[in-house]
Protein backbone atom coordinates (compact mmCIF):
# COMPACT_ATOMS: atom_id res chain seq x y z
CA MET A 1 -0.26 0.35 0.28
CA ASP A 2 3.31 2.44 -0.12
CA GLU A 3 1.06 3.88 -3.42
CA VAL A 4 -1.50 5.81 -0.29
CA SER A 5 -1.52 8.97 -1.13
CA PRO A 6 -3.89 10.21 1.82
CA ASP A 7 -6.19 13.29 1.75
CA ARG A 8 -4.60 15.94 3.50
CA SER A 9 -7.40 17.85 4.01
CA ARG A 10 -8.90 15.03 6.00
CA SER A 11 -5.77 13.29 7.76
CA GLU A 12 -6.06 15.73 11.10
CA GLY A 13 -10.10 14.84 11.33
CA PHE A 14 -9.08 13.14 15.22
CA ARG A 15 -12.89 13.36 16.89
CA TRP A 16 -13.48 11.07 20.18
CA GLU A 17 -16.99 9.07 19.45
CA ARG A 18 -20.71 9.64 20.70
CA LEU A 19 -21.21 7.25 23.69
CA GLU A 20 -24.01 5.92 20.87
CA LEU A 21 -21.64 5.14 18.63
CA LEU A 22 -19.20 3.70 20.87
CA ARG A 23 -22.13 1.35 22.03
CA ARG A 24 -22.56 -0.22 18.85
CA ARG A 25 -18.85 -1.43 18.51
CA THR A 26 -18.81 -5.07 19.34
CA SER A 27 -14.57 -5.48 20.18
CA LYS A 28 -14.18 -6.45 24.06
CA LYS A 29 -14.13 -2.79 25.19
CA TRP A 30 -18.21 -2.13 24.69
CA ARG A 31 -19.35 -6.04 25.17
CA THR A 32 -17.80 -7.74 27.81
CA HIS A 33 -19.85 -5.33 30.59
CA PRO A 34 -23.57 -4.86 30.53
CA SER A 35 -25.18 -1.49 28.90
CA ASP A 36 -25.29 0.10 32.06
CA VAL A 37 -21.71 0.02 32.73
CA LEU A 38 -19.17 2.98 31.29
CA PRO A 39 -15.91 1.22 30.72
CA VAL A 40 -12.59 3.00 31.07
CA TRP A 41 -10.89 -0.62 31.46
CA VAL A 42 -8.69 -2.20 28.88
CA ALA A 43 -6.48 -0.07 26.24
CA GLU A 44 -8.69 1.00 23.24
CA MET A 45 -9.15 4.35 22.65
CA ASP A 46 -12.86 5.60 21.90
CA CYS A 47 -11.73 7.92 18.84
CA ALA A 48 -12.92 7.62 15.28
CA LEU A 49 -10.28 6.14 12.92
CA ALA A 50 -7.25 8.01 11.54
CA PRO A 51 -8.39 9.03 7.68
CA PRO A 52 -4.99 7.69 6.09
CA VAL A 53 -5.16 4.30 7.92
CA ALA A 54 -9.34 3.93 6.85
CA GLN A 55 -8.14 5.24 3.24
CA ALA A 56 -5.68 2.15 2.78
CA LEU A 57 -8.34 -0.09 4.50
CA ALA A 58 -10.47 0.65 1.74
CA GLN A 59 -8.31 0.52 -1.00
CA ALA A 60 -7.13 -2.52 0.07
CA VAL A 61 -10.93 -4.28 0.13
CA ALA A 62 -11.48 -2.69 -3.44
CA LEU A 63 -8.56 -4.03 -4.71
CA GLY A 64 -9.19 -7.43 -2.83
CA ASP A 65 -6.24 -7.22 -1.48
CA THR A 66 -6.35 -9.72 1.24
CA GLY A 67 -3.22 -12.07 0.73
CA TYR A 68 -0.08 -12.13 2.25
CA PRO A 69 2.52 -9.29 3.77
CA ALA A 70 5.37 -8.54 1.62
CA GLY A 71 8.23 -5.94 1.44
CA ALA A 72 9.82 -3.80 3.57
CA GLY A 73 7.09 -1.04 3.89
CA TYR A 74 6.26 -1.21 7.34
CA VAL A 75 10.06 -1.48 8.13
CA GLU A 76 10.42 1.96 6.05
CA ALA A 77 7.48 3.49 7.29
CA LEU A 78 8.91 3.66 11.19
CA ALA A 79 12.38 3.96 9.79
CA GLY A 80 10.76 7.37 8.50
CA PHE A 81 8.67 7.98 11.32
CA ALA A 82 11.39 7.77 14.00
CA ARG A 83 13.53 9.55 12.28
CA ALA A 84 10.97 12.67 12.26
CA ARG A 85 9.86 11.99 15.56
CA TRP A 86 12.74 10.77 17.61
CA GLY A 87 15.80 12.00 15.48
CA TRP A 88 16.51 8.30 15.63
CA GLU A 89 18.23 6.84 12.71
CA GLY A 90 18.23 2.94 14.23
CA VAL A 91 15.65 0.87 12.34
CA THR A 92 17.10 -0.94 9.54
CA ALA A 93 15.80 -3.69 7.35
CA GLU A 94 18.93 -6.09 7.76
CA ARG A 95 17.84 -5.59 12.07
CA ALA A 96 13.94 -5.62 11.95
CA VAL A 97 11.40 -8.85 11.62
CA ARG A 98 7.65 -8.40 11.28
CA VAL A 99 5.96 -9.88 14.12
CA PRO A 100 2.80 -10.98 15.10
CA ASP A 101 2.12 -8.68 17.75
CA VAL A 102 4.31 -6.93 20.64
CA MET A 103 3.74 -9.13 22.81
CA ARG A 104 4.13 -12.47 20.67
CA GLY A 105 7.27 -11.11 19.49
CA ALA A 106 9.01 -10.57 23.20
CA VAL A 107 8.87 -13.87 23.63
CA GLU A 108 10.17 -14.45 20.37
CA MET A 109 12.88 -12.83 21.79
CA LEU A 110 12.84 -14.11 25.14
CA ARG A 111 13.02 -17.54 23.35
CA LEU A 112 16.25 -16.18 21.67
CA VAL A 113 18.37 -15.32 24.40
CA THR A 114 16.91 -17.47 26.92
CA ASP A 115 16.00 -21.45 27.29
CA PRO A 116 13.25 -22.85 29.22
CA GLY A 117 14.01 -22.31 32.94
CA ASP A 118 15.62 -19.05 32.77
CA GLN A 119 14.74 -15.94 34.11
CA VAL A 120 13.45 -12.94 33.19
CA VAL A 121 13.20 -9.74 35.26
CA VAL A 122 10.21 -8.01 35.00
CA ASN A 123 9.44 -4.30 37.09
CA CYS A 124 6.38 -4.64 38.74
CA PRO A 125 3.38 -3.26 38.79
CA VAL A 126 3.45 -4.17 34.90
CA TYR A 127 1.46 -4.67 32.19
CA PRO A 128 -0.18 -8.38 33.13
CA PRO A 129 0.42 -9.78 29.74
CA PHE A 130 4.28 -9.56 30.60
CA TYR A 131 3.94 -12.54 33.43
CA HIS A 132 1.34 -14.58 31.36
CA PHE A 133 3.49 -14.84 28.37
CA VAL A 134 6.97 -15.12 30.07
CA ARG A 135 5.54 -17.77 32.06
CA SER A 136 3.84 -19.85 29.83
CA SER A 137 6.66 -19.46 27.53
CA GLY A 138 8.49 -21.63 30.22
CA ARG A 139 10.30 -18.91 31.90
CA ALA A 140 10.62 -17.52 35.49
CA VAL A 141 9.48 -13.96 36.64
CA VAL A 142 11.81 -12.09 38.83
CA GLU A 143 10.02 -9.02 40.14
CA ALA A 144 12.68 -5.97 40.68
CA PRO A 145 9.54 -3.15 41.62
CA LEU A 146 9.38 -0.11 40.64
CA GLY A 147 10.49 3.30 43.39
CA ALA A 148 7.91 5.33 45.59
CA ASP A 149 8.16 7.33 42.34
CA GLY A 150 7.11 5.28 39.80
CA ARG A 151 10.48 4.74 38.49
CA ILE A 152 13.07 2.62 38.15
CA ASP A 153 14.96 1.62 41.00
CA LEU A 154 18.59 0.68 39.97
CA ALA A 155 19.35 -1.36 43.20
CA GLU A 156 16.14 -3.23 43.28
CA LEU A 157 16.78 -4.39 39.71
CA LYS A 158 20.49 -4.87 39.81
CA GLU A 159 19.44 -7.40 43.39
CA ALA A 160 16.46 -8.47 40.78
CA PHE A 161 19.50 -9.23 38.43
CA ARG A 162 21.95 -10.93 40.79
CA ARG A 163 19.01 -13.21 41.44
CA ALA A 164 18.23 -14.06 38.08
CA THR A 165 22.36 -15.14 37.42
CA ALA A 166 22.79 -16.56 40.36
CA ASP A 167 22.45 -20.35 39.37
CA GLY A 168 24.28 -19.83 36.08
CA GLY A 169 21.58 -19.73 33.44
CA ARG A 170 21.28 -17.22 30.71
CA ALA A 171 18.52 -14.47 31.73
CA ALA A 172 16.29 -11.24 30.29
CA TYR A 173 14.90 -8.06 31.23
CA LEU A 174 11.61 -7.20 29.81
CA LEU A 175 11.36 -3.42 30.40
CA CYS A 176 8.53 -1.64 29.59
CA ASN A 177 9.21 1.86 27.86
CA PRO A 178 7.12 4.05 28.12
CA HIS A 179 5.56 2.23 31.60
CA ASN A 180 2.31 0.43 31.82
CA PRO A 181 0.57 1.35 33.89
CA THR A 182 2.06 4.33 35.34
CA GLY A 183 2.17 6.48 32.26
CA THR A 184 6.45 6.21 33.76
CA VAL A 185 8.95 7.52 30.33
CA HIS A 186 12.25 6.46 31.20
CA ARG A 187 15.10 9.49 30.53
CA ARG A 188 18.19 8.81 28.47
CA ASP A 189 20.21 8.15 31.84
CA GLU A 190 18.48 5.67 33.66
CA LEU A 191 18.57 3.40 30.43
CA GLU A 192 21.95 3.98 30.03
CA ALA A 193 21.89 2.65 34.25
CA VAL A 194 19.82 -0.03 32.42
CA ALA A 195 22.28 -1.00 29.63
CA SER A 196 24.93 -0.95 32.05
CA LEU A 197 24.06 -3.14 34.45
CA ALA A 198 22.68 -5.70 32.30
CA GLU A 199 26.41 -6.32 30.75
CA ALA A 200 27.90 -6.11 33.96
CA PHE A 201 25.41 -9.53 34.60
CA GLY A 202 25.05 -10.82 31.19
CA VAL A 203 21.80 -10.46 31.60
CA ARG A 204 19.70 -9.45 27.57
CA VAL A 205 16.89 -6.68 27.25
CA VAL A 206 13.62 -7.22 25.85
CA VAL A 207 12.21 -3.43 25.56
CA ASP A 208 8.17 -3.71 24.65
CA GLU A 209 7.80 -0.05 23.33
CA ILE A 210 4.61 -0.35 21.57
CA HIS A 211 3.72 3.12 23.65
CA ALA A 212 6.39 5.11 22.37
CA PRO A 213 4.26 7.66 20.26
CA LEU A 214 2.33 8.28 23.34
CA VAL A 215 4.64 10.71 24.51
CA SER A 216 3.66 14.40 25.55
CA GLY A 217 3.66 16.95 28.62
CA GLY A 218 7.05 18.09 28.10
CA ALA A 219 8.85 14.63 28.10
CA GLU A 220 10.96 12.92 25.57
CA PHE A 221 10.57 9.77 24.61
CA VAL A 222 14.28 7.44 24.42
CA PRO A 223 14.32 4.57 22.09
CA TYR A 224 16.60 1.58 23.67
CA LEU A 225 18.66 1.00 21.09
CA SER A 226 19.77 4.35 20.76
CA VAL A 227 21.61 4.98 24.15
CA ARG A 228 24.87 3.82 25.01
CA GLY A 229 25.31 0.26 25.80
CA ALA A 230 21.92 -0.84 24.32
CA GLU A 231 23.88 -2.76 21.43
CA SER A 232 23.29 -6.40 22.06
CA GLY A 233 18.90 -5.12 23.69
CA PHE A 234 16.17 -5.91 21.40
CA SER A 235 12.60 -3.57 20.93
CA LEU A 236 9.21 -4.33 19.93
CA MET A 237 7.12 -1.29 18.45
CA SER A 238 4.23 -0.90 16.85
CA ALA A 239 1.64 1.57 15.47
CA SER A 240 -1.60 -0.51 17.60
CA LYS A 241 -1.51 1.88 20.55
CA ALA A 242 -0.97 5.17 18.74
CA TRP A 243 -3.53 4.61 16.35
CA ASN A 244 -5.99 2.09 17.96
CA LEU A 245 -4.87 -0.85 15.85
CA ALA A 246 -5.58 -3.35 18.52
CA GLY A 247 -8.12 -5.53 15.88
CA LEU A 248 -5.45 -4.97 12.90
CA PRO A 249 -2.26 -6.51 14.84
CA ALA A 250 1.55 -6.31 13.60
CA ALA A 251 4.68 -5.39 15.31
CA LEU A 252 8.72 -5.05 14.71
CA ALA A 253 10.88 -6.84 16.32
CA LEU A 254 14.24 -4.24 16.18
CA ALA A 255 18.06 -5.63 17.16
CA GLY A 256 20.74 -3.88 18.40
CA GLU A 257 24.12 -3.94 16.76
CA ALA A 258 25.26 -7.05 18.47
CA ALA A 259 21.76 -8.62 18.26
CA ALA A 260 21.82 -9.07 14.77
CA ALA A 261 22.98 -12.31 14.18
CA ASP A 262 20.51 -13.58 17.28
CA LEU A 263 17.32 -11.70 15.12
CA ALA A 264 18.52 -13.52 12.29
CA ARG A 265 17.84 -16.61 14.11
CA VAL A 266 13.71 -16.03 14.40
CA PRO A 267 11.74 -18.44 12.47
CA SER A 268 10.62 -17.48 9.03
CA GLU A 269 6.53 -18.82 10.08
CA VAL A 270 6.70 -15.59 13.02
CA ALA A 271 6.50 -12.72 9.99
CA ASP A 272 4.57 -15.49 8.05
CA GLY A 273 1.72 -15.37 11.19
CA VAL A 274 1.56 -11.22 10.08
CA SER A 275 -1.70 -9.86 9.15
CA HIS A 276 -1.40 -8.20 6.18
CA PHE A 277 -4.27 -5.90 6.77
CA GLY A 278 -2.25 -5.18 9.74
CA VAL A 279 0.76 -3.84 8.06
CA ILE A 280 -1.40 -2.02 5.52
CA ALA A 281 -2.67 -0.12 8.61
CA HIS A 282 0.46 0.21 10.41
CA THR A 283 2.43 1.64 7.30
CA ALA A 284 -0.36 3.90 6.59
CA ALA A 285 -1.09 5.25 10.34
CA LEU A 286 3.23 5.36 10.68
CA ARG A 287 3.90 7.09 6.81
CA HIS A 288 0.67 9.78 6.89
CA GLY A 289 -0.57 9.76 11.01
CA ALA A 290 1.44 12.24 12.41
CA ALA A 291 -1.04 15.15 11.97
CA TRP A 292 -3.62 12.95 13.53
CA LEU A 293 -1.81 11.50 16.64
CA ASP A 294 -0.66 15.19 17.25
CA GLY A 295 -4.46 15.91 17.74
CA LEU A 296 -4.72 12.85 19.31
CA LEU A 297 -1.76 14.12 21.84
CA VAL A 298 -3.60 17.40 22.43
CA ALA A 299 -6.71 15.59 23.39
CA LEU A 300 -5.05 13.38 26.08
CA ALA A 301 -2.97 16.19 27.07
CA GLU A 302 -6.54 18.04 27.97
CA ASN A 303 -7.90 15.11 29.39
CA ARG A 304 -4.93 14.50 31.50
CA ALA A 305 -5.31 17.50 33.18
CA LEU A 306 -9.61 17.44 33.04
CA PHE A 307 -9.03 13.82 35.32
CA ASP A 308 -6.04 15.21 37.44
CA GLY A 309 -8.67 18.21 38.14
CA LEU A 310 -11.57 16.07 38.98
CA VAL A 311 -9.89 13.11 40.88
CA ALA A 312 -8.72 16.06 43.34
CA GLU A 313 -12.24 17.45 43.63
CA HIS A 314 -13.87 14.32 43.71
CA LEU A 315 -12.27 11.30 45.08
CA PRO A 316 -9.54 12.93 47.89
CA SER A 317 -9.25 10.00 49.24
CA VAL A 318 -7.05 8.65 45.99
CA ARG A 319 -3.84 9.13 44.84
CA TYR A 320 -2.83 10.08 41.37
CA ARG A 321 0.20 10.94 39.78
CA PRO A 322 -0.02 11.48 36.32
CA GLY A 323 2.31 10.41 33.53
CA ALA A 324 4.33 11.52 30.59
CA GLY A 325 3.33 8.16 28.50
CA THR A 326 0.24 6.17 27.22
CA TYR A 327 -3.42 6.85 27.43
CA LEU A 328 -3.25 5.32 31.24
CA ALA A 329 -3.76 6.50 34.52
CA TRP A 330 -2.46 4.36 37.78
CA LEU A 331 -4.76 5.15 40.96
CA ASP A 332 -3.93 4.37 44.63
CA PHE A 333 -6.96 3.53 46.30
CA ARG A 334 -5.45 2.45 49.35
CA ASP A 335 -6.61 5.15 51.95
CA ALA A 336 -10.20 4.45 50.09
CA GLY A 337 -10.82 1.44 52.24
CA LEU A 338 -11.45 -1.02 48.94
CA GLY A 339 -9.89 -3.80 49.64
CA ALA A 340 -7.51 -5.43 47.09
CA ASP A 341 -9.58 -5.00 44.52
CA PRO A 342 -10.96 -1.54 43.92
CA ALA A 343 -12.41 -2.02 40.12
CA ALA A 344 -14.72 -4.96 41.74
CA VAL A 345 -15.84 -2.74 44.07
CA LEU A 346 -16.46 0.34 41.52
CA LEU A 347 -18.27 -1.59 39.22
CA ASP A 348 -20.50 -3.33 41.19
CA ARG A 349 -21.01 -0.18 43.30
CA GLY A 350 -20.74 2.99 40.66
CA ARG A 351 -21.31 0.55 37.34
CA VAL A 352 -17.89 2.03 35.92
CA ALA A 353 -14.76 -0.62 34.81
CA LEU A 354 -11.56 0.12 35.64
CA THR A 355 -8.86 -2.49 35.54
CA GLY A 356 -8.13 -3.92 38.53
CA GLY A 357 -4.63 -3.42 39.80
CA LEU A 358 -3.81 -7.63 41.33
CA PRO A 359 -2.83 -9.08 37.83
CA PHE A 360 -0.58 -6.26 37.28
CA GLY A 361 1.87 -7.93 40.05
CA THR A 362 3.40 -6.14 43.14
CA GLY A 363 1.99 -3.15 43.88
CA GLY A 364 -0.81 -3.85 42.44
CA ALA A 365 -3.30 -4.54 45.32
CA GLY A 366 -5.43 -1.29 45.94
CA HIS A 367 -5.20 -0.33 42.81
CA ALA A 368 -6.78 0.24 39.62
CA ARG A 369 -5.80 1.27 36.03
CA PHE A 370 -8.25 4.55 34.11
CA ASN A 371 -7.95 4.41 30.59
CA LEU A 372 -8.28 8.54 29.79
CA ALA A 373 -8.79 7.64 25.77
CA THR A 374 -12.29 8.95 25.44
CA SER A 375 -14.15 11.83 25.59
CA PRO A 376 -14.27 14.40 28.56
CA GLU A 377 -17.76 14.20 29.02
CA LEU A 378 -17.24 10.26 29.55
CA ILE A 379 -14.26 10.81 31.81
CA THR A 380 -16.16 13.49 33.96
CA GLU A 381 -19.56 10.83 33.95
CA ALA A 382 -16.60 7.96 35.09
CA VAL A 383 -15.57 10.48 38.21
CA ARG A 384 -18.99 11.11 38.83
CA ARG A 385 -19.96 7.40 39.33
CA MET A 386 -16.34 6.63 40.87
CA ALA A 387 -16.89 9.31 43.48
CA THR A 388 -21.03 8.03 44.03
CA ALA A 389 -19.69 4.61 44.67
CA LEU A 390 -17.03 5.97 47.29
């Protein structure tokens, strides 16, 4: 779909959808709970599809272009986006492989550098599939809790690396950058310290950077593979989260210079399992969707400020530290008297669905995650329901 040249007059057409239209969607967010529940949980955005993506998909349907993916268009689109957005020249076709989605790609990278029974370090609380996918691949999880400020605690990380390598086996570190659920965007000095520690302990770093385009508020996204000492690492990138394309999965596994030979060992059937429509959609988003993304980032910044004020006014017992990345808010309900799983109480009492914190590992009890990627009106109503429940 490289030939698509979208109508620029429509490419900036970001908008939040109305509730009556959202209720007609058949995706997980809108069909898991009864219709009287307001869903602000799973990471789907309540926006219209970016016009360049919709146009590319419509053209593919018109052509009957529903076969297998081919070519380097996706890699080239990401390379151009990374160059323009982050000033990073590190995306090359020689060190990139298509994978079905970020988490399955992460598992393939872990299989390259660890063996069944080996240990994988994660920073908790963290995206629950980190636990599920690591364990289902036969590896063990070692937790390195985040600091009280929500940032990487290097002392905890060092201790986790020591434990993960104590038996002489191979070990890896599955890092989330920006971090889900806190929205923390890791600084360059932090990532360089991570790379230095990993080299000292012989730990291979695999980074989930799916939220990379969703950074605002004056923060800077730093690709892990761009920092000093990260040459043996891997990154997983995708347009999925930033352009709301979870139903059209596709991702790219990227290798640092010293990891290229490892990446070359990825089985060919992994790339063969990628969705052709996913590649078409993601390529269009990265090539032609920057203006739409800028509109989204402005809307998310406004939502974050709105939510911060609403929480302070209506939920004074709830602690919230806004993050600069993702569109997720991590809420601390431990002073609100809702027990270990506040999301269950809010669903029952307030008919509002958040993501419960327990599956996020150590540090998740008493917390819940709120999805800010919806209209200001729905955010306001969700907070009203939460306040009523409290």
